[in-house]
Protein backbone atom coordinates (compact mmCIF):
# COMPACT_ATOMS: atom_id res chain seq x y z
CA GLN A 1 -121.72 75.45 -109.84
CA VAL A 2 -123.37 72.08 -109.25
CA GLN A 3 -126.03 70.70 -111.55
CA LEU A 4 -128.36 68.20 -109.88
CA ILE A 5 -130.56 65.89 -111.89
CA GLU A 6 -133.35 63.87 -110.29
CA SER A 7 -134.80 60.72 -111.81
CA GLY A 8 -136.95 57.76 -110.90
CA GLY A 9 -140.26 59.40 -110.12
CA GLY A 10 -143.52 57.93 -111.33
CA LEU A 11 -146.92 56.54 -110.44
CA VAL A 12 -147.25 53.86 -107.77
CA GLN A 13 -150.10 52.37 -105.78
CA ALA A 14 -150.44 52.97 -102.07
CA GLY A 15 -148.28 50.54 -100.14
CA GLY A 16 -145.81 50.28 -102.98
CA SER A 17 -142.19 51.34 -103.27
CA LEU A 18 -140.20 53.69 -105.44
CA ARG A 19 -136.61 54.88 -105.53
CA VAL A 20 -135.64 58.32 -106.73
CA SER A 21 -132.09 59.31 -107.55
CA CYS A 22 -130.16 62.55 -107.69
CA THR A 23 -126.98 62.74 -109.73
CA ALA A 24 -124.54 65.64 -109.66
CA ALA A 25 -123.06 66.67 -112.97
CA SER A 26 -119.98 68.21 -111.34
CA GLY A 27 -118.50 65.17 -109.66
CA ARG A 28 -115.34 66.70 -108.24
CA THR A 29 -117.09 68.42 -105.37
CA PHE A 30 -120.13 66.20 -104.82
CA MET A 31 -118.59 64.44 -101.86
CA ARG A 32 -118.09 67.75 -100.07
CA TYR A 33 -121.78 68.53 -99.87
CA ALA A 34 -124.43 67.51 -97.45
CA MET A 35 -127.44 66.47 -99.51
CA GLY A 36 -131.12 66.69 -98.90
CA TRP A 37 -134.52 65.78 -100.26
CA PHE A 38 -137.49 68.11 -100.13
CA ARG A 39 -140.98 67.76 -101.55
CA GLN A 40 -143.75 70.10 -102.58
CA ALA A 41 -147.35 69.10 -103.08
CA PRO A 42 -149.70 71.24 -105.20
CA GLY A 43 -150.77 74.35 -103.30
CA LYS A 44 -148.43 73.63 -100.41
CA GLU A 45 -145.03 74.82 -99.31
CA ARG A 46 -141.86 72.89 -99.95
CA VAL A 47 -140.98 70.74 -96.93
CA PHE A 48 -137.98 68.81 -95.71
CA VAL A 49 -138.01 65.05 -96.27
CA ALA A 50 -134.52 63.70 -95.54
CA ALA A 51 -130.86 64.66 -95.49
CA ILE A 52 -127.53 62.88 -95.44
CA SER A 53 -124.11 64.11 -94.40
CA TRP A 54 -121.26 64.42 -96.89
CA ARG A 55 -119.73 61.09 -95.92
CA GLY A 56 -123.06 59.40 -95.48
CA GLY A 57 -122.48 58.67 -91.82
CA SER A 58 -125.43 60.72 -90.58
CA SER A 59 -128.97 61.05 -91.82
CA ASP A 60 -132.12 62.79 -90.72
CA TYR A 61 -135.78 62.37 -91.62
CA ALA A 62 -139.01 64.21 -91.30
CA ASP A 63 -141.36 62.51 -88.85
CA SER A 64 -143.85 61.86 -91.64
CA VAL A 65 -141.43 59.56 -93.50
CA LYS A 66 -139.33 58.11 -90.69
CA GLY A 67 -139.30 54.33 -90.84
CA ARG A 68 -140.57 54.29 -94.44
CA PHE A 69 -137.95 56.26 -96.39
CA THR A 70 -134.19 55.72 -96.49
CA VAL A 71 -131.67 58.20 -97.83
CA SER A 72 -128.27 57.03 -99.04
CA ARG A 73 -125.45 58.20 -101.26
CA ASP A 74 -122.69 56.75 -103.41
CA ASN A 75 -119.97 59.37 -103.71
CA ALA A 76 -118.11 57.29 -106.29
CA LYS A 77 -121.18 57.64 -108.54
CA ASN A 78 -121.96 61.24 -107.50
CA THR A 79 -125.46 60.04 -106.70
CA MET A 80 -127.88 60.24 -103.79
CA TYR A 81 -130.91 58.00 -103.44
CA LEU A 82 -134.23 58.07 -101.64
CA GLN A 83 -135.81 54.66 -101.19
CA MET A 84 -139.50 55.10 -100.45
CA ASN A 85 -141.47 52.17 -99.04
CA SER A 86 -145.05 51.84 -97.79
CA LEU A 87 -146.01 54.84 -99.85
CA LYS A 88 -149.17 56.74 -99.02
CA PRO A 89 -151.30 59.08 -101.16
CA GLU A 90 -150.11 61.97 -98.99
CA ASP A 91 -146.56 61.31 -100.23
CA THR A 92 -147.66 62.59 -103.64
CA ALA A 93 -145.48 65.58 -104.52
CA ALA A 94 -142.65 66.86 -106.64
CA TYR A 95 -139.42 65.69 -105.02
CA TYR A 96 -136.35 67.92 -105.17
CA CYS A 97 -132.79 67.14 -104.24
CA ALA A 98 -130.44 69.82 -102.97
CA ALA A 99 -126.78 70.26 -102.06
CA SER A 100 -125.50 72.23 -99.09
CA THR A 101 -122.06 73.68 -98.41
CA SER A 102 -123.06 74.71 -94.91
CA ASN A 103 -121.01 72.05 -93.07
CA LEU A 104 -123.94 71.55 -90.70
CA GLY A 105 -124.24 67.82 -91.14
CA THR A 106 -127.81 67.20 -92.22
CA PRO A 107 -129.59 70.53 -92.68
CA ARG A 108 -133.38 70.61 -92.52
CA VAL A 109 -133.81 74.19 -93.67
CA GLY A 110 -134.10 74.87 -97.37
CA ASN A 111 -132.25 78.15 -97.13
CA LEU A 112 -129.10 76.28 -96.10
CA TYR A 113 -128.96 74.55 -99.47
CA ASP A 114 -127.07 76.15 -102.31
CA TYR A 115 -128.02 74.05 -105.32
CA TRP A 116 -131.30 72.46 -106.36
CA GLY A 117 -132.47 69.98 -108.93
CA GLN A 118 -135.43 70.46 -111.22
CA GLY A 119 -137.65 67.96 -109.39
CA THR A 120 -139.23 64.62 -110.17
CA GLN A 121 -142.91 63.85 -109.69
CA VAL A 122 -144.05 61.05 -107.40
CA THR A 123 -147.74 60.16 -107.49
CA VAL A 124 -149.25 57.61 -105.11
CA SER A 125 -152.71 56.36 -105.99
CA SER A 126 -155.13 55.09 -103.36
């Protein structure tokens, strides 16, 4: 079992930056998992944002965030990060991190993830 804890959400003005983090409580296996970020806005479905392979050598992004968001991980700290720049009001959502044992590199599909965090709220004001 892997417990994932997100942090770093908050309120930011449009055009600003924010970094959210995801730390795994069970550190022994963290490096084996591909990791992903998803977000869910009120009244909408959860959607893929970004993913990073278990070694961090590959990453993938949704078109809506490409060029503005950067996903990274520090396996020594059992932590994944999402640096969000040039934020827009439409980025407002609860952001969830997830861990996948699927060995598929950088999965985009939520069903391929085995463990989820509780979410952290990001609000971008216009």
